[in-house]
């Protein structure tokens, strides 16, 4: 997985009014959970956009008041009209404990069926997987070169060492 380092500042108070004030200042309230205790802090909106508006999944190392914590983005709340990041939830990465993430699907090659006049249909842009932090790839790569008209690649056809796919095995990922 790709890595990113960010620094945050602890929040003085937790609540609606304080969160609204942070947003007016160009900050994003953040909650980090999954470890021994929850952490409430905030990030600059520019740093938050780097994580949200990308298809990649990042393992983030936070530095909050000198305390370093590794985490993964779990949930984002966007403003319904402006699409500004309103709030972010992160799950702490604990050594020896598997992580559940949604990895992007990358298609490689040109399908034979498309060259013969077929149409490529990508049904899943992300797949839900679980695995240890060290085993998780940046993305799930699928070679579509052998696909002819009427052929499909299902979740059951995919494999990656140390990664378990959580989507239904009969689900079609890509088809021609």
N, C-alpha and C. Protein backbone atom coordinates (compact mmCIF):
# COMPACT_ATOMS: atom_id res chain seq x y z
N UNK A 1 0.83 -1.18 0.00
CA UNK A 1 0.00 0.00 0.00
C UNK A 1 0.88 1.25 0.00
N UNK A 2 0.36 2.29 -0.60
CA UNK A 2 1.08 3.56 -0.63
C UNK A 2 1.04 4.20 0.74
N UNK A 3 2.10 4.95 1.05
CA UNK A 3 2.20 5.57 2.37
C UNK A 3 2.19 7.08 2.26
N UNK A 4 1.69 7.72 3.29
CA UNK A 4 1.63 9.17 3.34
C UNK A 4 1.83 9.58 4.80
N UNK A 5 2.59 10.63 5.01
CA UNK A 5 2.81 11.14 6.36
C UNK A 5 2.13 12.49 6.50
N UNK A 6 1.34 12.65 7.55
CA UNK A 6 0.65 13.90 7.82
C UNK A 6 0.81 14.27 9.28
N UNK A 7 0.75 15.56 9.55
CA UNK A 7 0.78 15.98 10.95
C UNK A 7 -0.54 16.67 11.27
N UNK A 8 -1.05 16.36 12.44
CA UNK A 8 -2.31 16.93 12.89
C UNK A 8 -2.12 17.61 14.23
N UNK A 9 -3.13 18.36 14.60
CA UNK A 9 -3.11 19.05 15.89
C UNK A 9 -4.29 18.57 16.72
N UNK A 10 -4.09 18.31 18.01
CA UNK A 10 -5.19 17.82 18.84
C UNK A 10 -6.29 18.87 18.97
N UNK A 11 -7.52 18.39 19.08
CA UNK A 11 -8.68 19.28 19.24
C UNK A 11 -8.87 19.57 20.71
N UNK A 12 -9.14 20.83 21.01
CA UNK A 12 -9.39 21.23 22.39
C UNK A 12 -10.73 20.69 22.87
N UNK A 13 -11.78 20.96 22.10
CA UNK A 13 -13.12 20.54 22.46
C UNK A 13 -13.72 19.74 21.31
N UNK A 14 -14.63 18.85 21.66
CA UNK A 14 -15.29 18.03 20.66
C UNK A 14 -16.77 18.40 20.68
N UNK A 15 -17.29 18.79 19.54
CA UNK A 15 -18.70 19.16 19.46
C UNK A 15 -19.00 19.88 18.16
N UNK A 16 -20.28 20.16 17.95
CA UNK A 16 -20.72 20.79 16.70
C UNK A 16 -20.13 22.19 16.51
N UNK A 17 -20.18 22.99 17.54
CA UNK A 17 -19.72 24.38 17.42
C UNK A 17 -18.23 24.44 17.13
N UNK A 18 -17.47 23.61 17.82
CA UNK A 18 -16.02 23.60 17.62
C UNK A 18 -15.66 23.06 16.24
N UNK A 19 -16.38 22.04 15.78
CA UNK A 19 -16.14 21.49 14.45
C UNK A 19 -16.47 22.52 13.37
N UNK A 20 -17.56 23.26 13.55
CA UNK A 20 -17.94 24.30 12.59
C UNK A 20 -16.88 25.40 12.54
N UNK A 21 -16.33 25.75 13.68
CA UNK A 21 -15.29 26.77 13.72
C UNK A 21 -14.03 26.29 13.01
N UNK A 22 -13.66 25.03 13.21
CA UNK A 22 -12.51 24.48 12.52
C UNK A 22 -12.70 24.53 11.01
N UNK A 23 -13.91 24.17 10.55
CA UNK A 23 -14.18 24.18 9.10
C UNK A 23 -14.09 25.58 8.53
N UNK A 24 -14.52 26.58 9.28
CA UNK A 24 -14.41 27.97 8.83
C UNK A 24 -12.94 28.38 8.68
N UNK A 25 -12.07 27.79 9.47
CA UNK A 25 -10.64 28.10 9.42
C UNK A 25 -9.90 27.28 8.37
N UNK A 26 -10.62 26.42 7.62
CA UNK A 26 -9.98 25.60 6.60
C UNK A 26 -9.38 24.32 7.15
N UNK A 27 -9.90 23.86 8.27
CA UNK A 27 -9.43 22.62 8.91
C UNK A 27 -10.51 21.56 8.82
N UNK A 28 -10.12 20.30 8.95
CA UNK A 28 -11.06 19.18 8.90
C UNK A 28 -10.96 18.39 10.21
N UNK A 29 -12.08 18.24 10.95
CA UNK A 29 -12.07 17.42 12.17
C UNK A 29 -11.86 15.94 11.82
N UNK A 30 -11.05 15.26 12.63
CA UNK A 30 -10.71 13.87 12.39
C UNK A 30 -10.87 13.07 13.68
N UNK A 31 -11.36 11.83 13.53
CA UNK A 31 -11.43 10.90 14.65
C UNK A 31 -10.62 9.67 14.28
N UNK A 32 -9.77 9.23 15.18
CA UNK A 32 -8.96 8.02 14.99
C UNK A 32 -9.41 7.02 16.04
N UNK A 33 -9.86 5.85 15.60
CA UNK A 33 -10.34 4.83 16.54
C UNK A 33 -9.73 3.49 16.18
N UNK A 34 -10.01 2.49 17.01
CA UNK A 34 -9.51 1.14 16.76
C UNK A 34 -8.38 0.74 17.66
N UNK A 35 -7.72 1.68 18.29
CA UNK A 35 -6.63 1.38 19.21
C UNK A 35 -7.13 1.33 20.64
N UNK A 36 -6.26 1.64 21.55
CA UNK A 36 -6.64 1.61 22.96
C UNK A 36 -7.56 2.79 23.33
N UNK A 37 -7.41 3.91 22.63
CA UNK A 37 -8.24 5.07 22.92
C UNK A 37 -8.49 5.85 21.63
N UNK A 38 -9.61 6.58 21.62
CA UNK A 38 -9.92 7.42 20.47
C UNK A 38 -9.10 8.70 20.55
N UNK A 39 -8.72 9.19 19.36
CA UNK A 39 -8.00 10.46 19.28
C UNK A 39 -8.83 11.42 18.43
N UNK A 40 -8.98 12.63 18.90
CA UNK A 40 -9.68 13.68 18.15
C UNK A 40 -8.65 14.75 17.81
N UNK A 41 -8.50 15.02 16.52
CA UNK A 41 -7.57 16.04 16.07
C UNK A 41 -8.08 16.63 14.77
N UNK A 42 -7.30 17.54 14.19
CA UNK A 42 -7.73 18.13 12.92
C UNK A 42 -6.55 18.21 11.96
N UNK A 43 -6.89 18.23 10.67
CA UNK A 43 -5.91 18.35 9.58
C UNK A 43 -6.24 19.58 8.76
N UNK A 44 -5.26 20.05 8.00
CA UNK A 44 -5.54 21.09 7.02
C UNK A 44 -6.38 20.50 5.91
N UNK A 45 -7.29 21.29 5.36
CA UNK A 45 -8.18 20.81 4.31
C UNK A 45 -7.40 20.36 3.08
N UNK A 46 -6.31 21.00 2.77
CA UNK A 46 -5.49 20.63 1.62
C UNK A 46 -4.93 19.22 1.78
N UNK A 47 -4.46 18.88 2.99
CA UNK A 47 -3.95 17.53 3.25
C UNK A 47 -5.06 16.49 3.18
N UNK A 48 -6.25 16.86 3.64
CA UNK A 48 -7.38 15.93 3.62
C UNK A 48 -7.79 15.62 2.18
N UNK A 49 -7.74 16.61 1.31
CA UNK A 49 -8.11 16.39 -0.09
C UNK A 49 -7.18 15.40 -0.78
N UNK A 50 -5.92 15.37 -0.37
CA UNK A 50 -4.97 14.42 -0.95
C UNK A 50 -5.41 12.98 -0.73
N UNK A 51 -6.04 12.72 0.39
CA UNK A 51 -6.49 11.37 0.73
C UNK A 51 -7.84 11.02 0.12
N UNK A 52 -8.73 12.00 0.01
CA UNK A 52 -10.11 11.73 -0.37
C UNK A 52 -10.29 11.67 -1.89
N UNK A 53 -9.76 12.65 -2.60
CA UNK A 53 -10.02 12.76 -4.03
C UNK A 53 -8.95 12.04 -4.84
N UNK A 54 -8.79 10.76 -4.60
CA UNK A 54 -7.87 9.91 -5.32
C UNK A 54 -8.40 8.48 -5.28
N UNK A 55 -8.14 7.68 -6.31
CA UNK A 55 -8.59 6.29 -6.27
C UNK A 55 -7.68 5.41 -5.40
N UNK A 56 -6.53 5.91 -5.02
CA UNK A 56 -5.56 5.12 -4.26
C UNK A 56 -5.97 4.97 -2.80
N UNK A 57 -5.47 3.91 -2.19
CA UNK A 57 -5.66 3.68 -0.76
C UNK A 57 -4.31 3.92 -0.09
N UNK A 58 -4.31 4.77 0.91
CA UNK A 58 -3.07 5.14 1.59
C UNK A 58 -3.03 4.63 3.01
N UNK A 59 -1.84 4.21 3.41
CA UNK A 59 -1.56 3.94 4.81
C UNK A 59 -0.95 5.24 5.33
N UNK A 60 -1.62 5.88 6.27
CA UNK A 60 -1.22 7.21 6.73
C UNK A 60 -0.52 7.11 8.06
N UNK A 61 0.59 7.82 8.17
CA UNK A 61 1.28 7.91 9.46
C UNK A 61 1.06 9.32 9.99
N UNK A 62 0.30 9.40 11.08
CA UNK A 62 -0.01 10.69 11.69
C UNK A 62 1.00 11.02 12.76
N UNK A 63 1.34 12.29 12.86
CA UNK A 63 2.15 12.80 13.95
C UNK A 63 1.29 13.84 14.66
N UNK A 64 0.71 13.45 15.80
CA UNK A 64 -0.16 14.34 16.56
C UNK A 64 0.50 14.60 17.91
N UNK A 65 1.00 15.81 18.09
CA UNK A 65 1.66 16.19 19.34
C UNK A 65 2.81 15.25 19.70
N UNK A 66 3.59 14.84 18.71
CA UNK A 66 4.72 13.97 18.96
C UNK A 66 4.39 12.49 19.02
N UNK A 67 3.12 12.14 19.00
CA UNK A 67 2.71 10.74 19.03
C UNK A 67 2.48 10.27 17.60
N UNK A 68 3.17 9.20 17.19
CA UNK A 68 3.04 8.69 15.83
C UNK A 68 2.09 7.50 15.82
N UNK A 69 1.14 7.55 14.88
CA UNK A 69 0.13 6.50 14.77
C UNK A 69 -0.07 6.18 13.29
N UNK A 70 -0.13 4.87 12.97
CA UNK A 70 -0.42 4.45 11.59
C UNK A 70 -1.91 4.15 11.50
N UNK A 71 -2.53 4.60 10.40
CA UNK A 71 -3.97 4.42 10.25
C UNK A 71 -4.36 4.33 8.78
N UNK A 72 -5.61 3.96 8.56
CA UNK A 72 -6.17 3.86 7.22
C UNK A 72 -7.53 4.56 7.22
N UNK A 73 -7.85 5.25 6.14
CA UNK A 73 -9.10 6.00 6.03
C UNK A 73 -10.28 5.04 5.97
N UNK A 74 -11.28 5.27 6.83
CA UNK A 74 -12.47 4.41 6.86
C UNK A 74 -13.71 5.12 6.35
N UNK A 75 -13.89 6.40 6.69
CA UNK A 75 -15.11 7.09 6.28
C UNK A 75 -14.83 8.57 6.09
N UNK A 76 -15.53 9.17 5.13
CA UNK A 76 -15.41 10.59 4.83
C UNK A 76 -16.80 11.18 4.70
N UNK A 77 -16.99 12.35 5.26
CA UNK A 77 -18.25 13.07 5.09
C UNK A 77 -17.96 14.33 4.28
N UNK A 78 -18.68 14.48 3.14
CA UNK A 78 -18.51 15.63 2.27
C UNK A 78 -19.72 16.54 2.36
N UNK A 79 -19.50 17.82 2.13
CA UNK A 79 -20.60 18.77 2.10
C UNK A 79 -21.46 18.44 0.87
N UNK A 80 -22.80 18.41 1.01
CA UNK A 80 -23.65 17.96 -0.09
C UNK A 80 -23.63 18.87 -1.32
N UNK A 81 -23.27 20.12 -1.17
CA UNK A 81 -23.29 21.03 -2.31
C UNK A 81 -21.89 21.36 -2.80
N UNK A 82 -21.00 21.71 -1.90
CA UNK A 82 -19.66 22.15 -2.29
C UNK A 82 -18.64 21.02 -2.40
N UNK A 83 -18.96 19.84 -1.90
CA UNK A 83 -18.04 18.70 -1.86
C UNK A 83 -16.77 18.97 -1.06
N UNK A 84 -16.83 19.90 -0.12
CA UNK A 84 -15.70 20.11 0.78
C UNK A 84 -15.71 18.99 1.82
N UNK A 85 -14.53 18.58 2.24
CA UNK A 85 -14.41 17.53 3.24
C UNK A 85 -14.86 18.09 4.58
N UNK A 86 -15.88 17.44 5.19
CA UNK A 86 -16.44 17.90 6.46
C UNK A 86 -15.85 17.17 7.66
N UNK A 87 -15.61 15.88 7.50
CA UNK A 87 -15.16 15.06 8.63
C UNK A 87 -14.52 13.79 8.09
N UNK A 88 -13.54 13.26 8.82
CA UNK A 88 -12.86 12.03 8.41
C UNK A 88 -12.74 11.08 9.60
N UNK A 89 -12.92 9.78 9.33
CA UNK A 89 -12.71 8.74 10.34
C UNK A 89 -11.57 7.85 9.87
N UNK A 90 -10.65 7.55 10.78
CA UNK A 90 -9.53 6.67 10.48
C UNK A 90 -9.53 5.50 11.45
N UNK A 91 -9.07 4.35 10.98
CA UNK A 91 -8.93 3.15 11.80
C UNK A 91 -7.43 2.93 12.02
N UNK A 92 -7.06 2.79 13.28
CA UNK A 92 -5.65 2.56 13.62
C UNK A 92 -5.20 1.19 13.16
N UNK A 93 -4.00 1.12 12.62
CA UNK A 93 -3.42 -0.16 12.18
C UNK A 93 -2.66 -0.74 13.35
N UNK A 94 -3.06 -1.95 13.73
CA UNK A 94 -2.41 -2.64 14.85
C UNK A 94 -1.64 -3.83 14.28
N UNK A 95 -0.38 -3.96 14.67
CA UNK A 95 0.46 -5.06 14.18
C UNK A 95 -0.17 -6.41 14.51
N UNK A 96 -0.19 -7.31 13.53
CA UNK A 96 -0.71 -8.64 13.74
C UNK A 96 -2.21 -8.75 13.58
N UNK A 97 -2.88 -7.65 13.26
CA UNK A 97 -4.33 -7.66 13.10
C UNK A 97 -4.66 -7.35 11.63
N UNK A 98 -5.53 -8.16 10.99
CA UNK A 98 -5.85 -7.91 9.58
C UNK A 98 -6.64 -6.61 9.38
N UNK A 99 -6.49 -6.05 8.17
CA UNK A 99 -7.14 -4.80 7.82
C UNK A 99 -8.15 -5.06 6.70
N UNK A 100 -9.29 -4.41 6.78
CA UNK A 100 -10.30 -4.51 5.72
C UNK A 100 -10.31 -3.20 4.95
N UNK A 101 -10.07 -3.27 3.62
CA UNK A 101 -10.03 -2.07 2.78
C UNK A 101 -10.71 -2.35 1.44
N UNK A 102 -10.97 -1.28 0.71
CA UNK A 102 -11.50 -1.36 -0.65
C UNK A 102 -10.38 -0.95 -1.59
N UNK A 103 -9.80 -1.92 -2.32
CA UNK A 103 -8.69 -1.64 -3.23
C UNK A 103 -9.19 -1.36 -4.63
N UNK A 104 -8.57 -0.40 -5.34
CA UNK A 104 -8.99 -0.11 -6.71
C UNK A 104 -8.63 -1.25 -7.66
N UNK A 105 -9.42 -1.39 -8.73
CA UNK A 105 -9.18 -2.39 -9.77
C UNK A 105 -8.52 -1.70 -10.94
N UNK A 106 -7.39 -2.25 -11.40
CA UNK A 106 -6.68 -1.70 -12.56
C UNK A 106 -6.69 -2.77 -13.65
N UNK A 107 -7.14 -2.38 -14.85
CA UNK A 107 -7.19 -3.30 -15.98
C UNK A 107 -5.96 -3.09 -16.85
N UNK A 108 -5.31 -4.20 -17.23
CA UNK A 108 -4.12 -4.14 -18.07
C UNK A 108 -4.37 -4.87 -19.38
N UNK A 109 -3.81 -4.33 -20.44
CA UNK A 109 -3.91 -4.98 -21.75
C UNK A 109 -5.15 -4.54 -22.51
N UNK A 110 -5.29 -5.11 -23.73
CA UNK A 110 -6.47 -4.86 -24.55
C UNK A 110 -7.18 -6.17 -24.77
N UNK A 111 -8.45 -6.19 -24.48
CA UNK A 111 -9.23 -7.42 -24.61
C UNK A 111 -9.43 -7.76 -26.09
N UNK A 112 -9.26 -9.05 -26.41
CA UNK A 112 -9.48 -9.52 -27.78
C UNK A 112 -10.90 -9.22 -28.25
N UNK A 113 -11.84 -9.40 -27.36
CA UNK A 113 -13.24 -9.17 -27.70
C UNK A 113 -13.53 -7.72 -28.05
N UNK A 114 -12.82 -6.79 -27.43
CA UNK A 114 -13.00 -5.37 -27.75
C UNK A 114 -12.44 -5.08 -29.13
N UNK A 115 -11.30 -5.69 -29.46
CA UNK A 115 -10.71 -5.51 -30.79
C UNK A 115 -11.60 -6.09 -31.88
N UNK A 116 -12.41 -7.08 -31.53
CA UNK A 116 -13.32 -7.71 -32.50
C UNK A 116 -14.70 -7.05 -32.51
N UNK A 117 -14.86 -5.93 -31.82
CA UNK A 117 -16.13 -5.21 -31.87
C UNK A 117 -16.96 -5.27 -30.60
N UNK A 118 -16.50 -5.96 -29.58
CA UNK A 118 -17.25 -6.03 -28.32
C UNK A 118 -17.05 -4.78 -27.49
N UNK A 119 -17.77 -4.70 -26.39
CA UNK A 119 -17.68 -3.54 -25.50
C UNK A 119 -17.24 -4.01 -24.11
N UNK A 120 -16.26 -3.35 -23.56
CA UNK A 120 -15.74 -3.68 -22.23
C UNK A 120 -16.65 -3.08 -21.16
N UNK A 121 -17.02 -3.87 -20.20
CA UNK A 121 -17.88 -3.42 -19.12
C UNK A 121 -17.18 -3.69 -17.78
N UNK A 122 -16.83 -2.62 -17.07
CA UNK A 122 -16.20 -2.74 -15.76
C UNK A 122 -17.28 -2.57 -14.71
N UNK A 123 -17.60 -3.62 -13.97
CA UNK A 123 -18.68 -3.59 -13.00
C UNK A 123 -18.21 -3.22 -11.60
N UNK A 124 -16.96 -3.47 -11.28
CA UNK A 124 -16.39 -3.12 -9.98
C UNK A 124 -15.17 -2.25 -10.19
N UNK A 125 -15.19 -1.07 -9.62
CA UNK A 125 -14.00 -0.20 -9.66
C UNK A 125 -13.14 -0.42 -8.42
N UNK A 126 -13.75 -0.94 -7.35
CA UNK A 126 -13.02 -1.28 -6.13
C UNK A 126 -13.53 -2.61 -5.61
N UNK A 127 -12.63 -3.37 -5.01
CA UNK A 127 -12.99 -4.66 -4.42
C UNK A 127 -12.69 -4.63 -2.93
N UNK A 128 -13.56 -5.21 -2.16
CA UNK A 128 -13.39 -5.27 -0.72
C UNK A 128 -12.51 -6.48 -0.38
N UNK A 129 -11.42 -6.22 0.33
CA UNK A 129 -10.47 -7.28 0.69
C UNK A 129 -10.09 -7.15 2.16
N UNK A 130 -9.53 -8.24 2.69
CA UNK A 130 -9.00 -8.23 4.05
C UNK A 130 -7.65 -8.96 4.01
N UNK A 131 -6.71 -8.43 4.78
CA UNK A 131 -5.38 -9.04 4.83
C UNK A 131 -4.48 -8.29 5.79
N UNK A 132 -3.31 -8.83 5.99
CA UNK A 132 -2.34 -8.17 6.85
C UNK A 132 -1.76 -6.96 6.12
N UNK A 133 -1.35 -5.98 6.87
CA UNK A 133 -0.84 -4.73 6.30
C UNK A 133 0.26 -4.97 5.27
N UNK A 134 1.18 -5.87 5.55
CA UNK A 134 2.31 -6.11 4.65
C UNK A 134 1.90 -6.85 3.38
N UNK A 135 0.77 -7.57 3.39
CA UNK A 135 0.34 -8.36 2.23
C UNK A 135 -0.54 -7.58 1.26
N UNK A 136 -1.08 -6.45 1.67
CA UNK A 136 -2.02 -5.72 0.82
C UNK A 136 -1.30 -4.99 -0.30
N UNK A 137 -1.73 -5.19 -1.56
CA UNK A 137 -1.11 -4.48 -2.69
C UNK A 137 -1.68 -3.07 -2.83
N UNK A 138 -1.09 -2.28 -3.73
CA UNK A 138 -1.61 -0.94 -4.01
C UNK A 138 -2.96 -1.03 -4.69
N UNK A 139 -3.12 -2.02 -5.58
CA UNK A 139 -4.36 -2.19 -6.34
C UNK A 139 -4.46 -3.64 -6.79
N UNK A 140 -5.66 -4.03 -7.22
CA UNK A 140 -5.87 -5.36 -7.80
C UNK A 140 -5.74 -5.20 -9.31
N UNK A 141 -4.74 -5.84 -9.89
CA UNK A 141 -4.47 -5.73 -11.32
C UNK A 141 -5.03 -6.95 -12.04
N UNK A 142 -5.81 -6.69 -13.10
CA UNK A 142 -6.42 -7.77 -13.88
C UNK A 142 -5.96 -7.63 -15.32
N UNK A 143 -5.40 -8.72 -15.88
CA UNK A 143 -5.01 -8.74 -17.29
C UNK A 143 -6.24 -9.15 -18.10
N UNK A 144 -6.72 -8.24 -18.96
CA UNK A 144 -7.93 -8.51 -19.73
C UNK A 144 -7.62 -8.95 -21.16
N UNK A 145 -6.35 -9.15 -21.50
CA UNK A 145 -5.96 -9.51 -22.86
C UNK A 145 -6.66 -10.76 -23.39
N UNK A 146 -6.81 -11.84 -22.61
CA UNK A 146 -7.43 -13.05 -23.17
C UNK A 146 -8.96 -13.00 -23.28
N UNK A 147 -9.60 -11.96 -22.80
CA UNK A 147 -11.07 -11.92 -22.80
C UNK A 147 -11.62 -11.73 -24.21
N UNK A 148 -12.50 -12.64 -24.61
CA UNK A 148 -13.19 -12.54 -25.90
C UNK A 148 -14.62 -12.12 -25.63
N UNK A 149 -15.38 -11.93 -26.70
CA UNK A 149 -16.79 -11.54 -26.57
C UNK A 149 -17.53 -12.64 -25.80
N UNK A 150 -18.26 -12.22 -24.77
CA UNK A 150 -19.02 -13.15 -23.93
C UNK A 150 -18.26 -13.67 -22.72
N UNK A 151 -16.98 -13.36 -22.61
CA UNK A 151 -16.18 -13.83 -21.48
C UNK A 151 -16.19 -12.79 -20.36
N UNK A 152 -15.99 -13.28 -19.14
CA UNK A 152 -15.97 -12.40 -17.97
C UNK A 152 -14.95 -12.87 -16.96
N UNK A 153 -14.53 -11.96 -16.12
CA UNK A 153 -13.66 -12.28 -15.00
C UNK A 153 -14.46 -12.07 -13.72
N UNK A 154 -14.54 -13.11 -12.91
CA UNK A 154 -15.29 -13.06 -11.65
C UNK A 154 -14.31 -12.91 -10.48
N UNK A 155 -14.85 -12.59 -9.34
CA UNK A 155 -14.04 -12.44 -8.12
C UNK A 155 -13.34 -13.77 -7.81
N UNK A 156 -13.99 -14.89 -8.07
CA UNK A 156 -13.41 -16.20 -7.81
C UNK A 156 -12.17 -16.46 -8.68
N UNK A 157 -12.06 -15.79 -9.83
CA UNK A 157 -10.92 -15.96 -10.72
C UNK A 157 -9.69 -15.20 -10.25
N UNK A 158 -9.86 -14.32 -9.30
CA UNK A 158 -8.76 -13.48 -8.83
C UNK A 158 -8.07 -14.11 -7.63
N UNK A 159 -6.78 -13.89 -7.54
CA UNK A 159 -6.05 -14.37 -6.36
C UNK A 159 -4.84 -13.47 -6.13
N UNK A 160 -4.53 -13.30 -4.89
CA UNK A 160 -3.34 -12.56 -4.48
C UNK A 160 -2.90 -13.17 -3.16
N UNK A 161 -1.62 -13.50 -2.99
CA UNK A 161 -1.19 -14.14 -1.75
C UNK A 161 -1.41 -13.27 -0.52
N UNK A 162 -2.03 -13.86 0.49
CA UNK A 162 -2.26 -13.18 1.75
C UNK A 162 -3.47 -12.26 1.76
N UNK A 163 -4.23 -12.25 0.65
CA UNK A 163 -5.39 -11.37 0.55
C UNK A 163 -6.64 -12.21 0.35
N UNK A 164 -7.68 -11.94 1.14
CA UNK A 164 -8.96 -12.63 1.01
C UNK A 164 -9.99 -11.64 0.46
N UNK A 165 -10.66 -12.03 -0.63
CA UNK A 165 -11.66 -11.18 -1.26
C UNK A 165 -12.99 -11.36 -0.53
N UNK A 166 -13.64 -10.26 -0.17
CA UNK A 166 -14.88 -10.31 0.60
C UNK A 166 -16.13 -10.21 -0.26
N UNK A 167 -15.97 -9.75 -1.51
CA UNK A 167 -17.12 -9.70 -2.41
C UNK A 167 -17.52 -11.11 -2.79
N UNK A 168 -18.77 -11.28 -3.23
CA UNK A 168 -19.27 -12.61 -3.60
C UNK A 168 -18.40 -13.20 -4.72
N UNK A 169 -18.06 -14.48 -4.57
CA UNK A 169 -17.17 -15.13 -5.55
C UNK A 169 -17.77 -15.15 -6.94
N UNK A 170 -19.09 -15.16 -7.06
CA UNK A 170 -19.75 -15.21 -8.37
C UNK A 170 -19.92 -13.83 -9.01
N UNK A 171 -19.53 -12.76 -8.32
CA UNK A 171 -19.67 -11.39 -8.85
C UNK A 171 -18.73 -11.17 -10.01
N UNK A 172 -19.26 -10.57 -11.09
CA UNK A 172 -18.47 -10.28 -12.28
C UNK A 172 -17.78 -8.95 -12.08
N UNK A 173 -16.45 -8.94 -12.25
CA UNK A 173 -15.66 -7.72 -12.09
C UNK A 173 -15.58 -6.99 -13.43
N UNK A 174 -15.24 -7.71 -14.48
CA UNK A 174 -15.10 -7.11 -15.81
C UNK A 174 -15.62 -8.13 -16.85
N UNK A 175 -16.27 -7.62 -17.89
CA UNK A 175 -16.82 -8.51 -18.93
C UNK A 175 -16.71 -7.82 -20.29
N UNK A 176 -16.73 -8.67 -21.36
CA UNK A 176 -16.77 -8.16 -22.73
C UNK A 176 -18.05 -8.68 -23.34
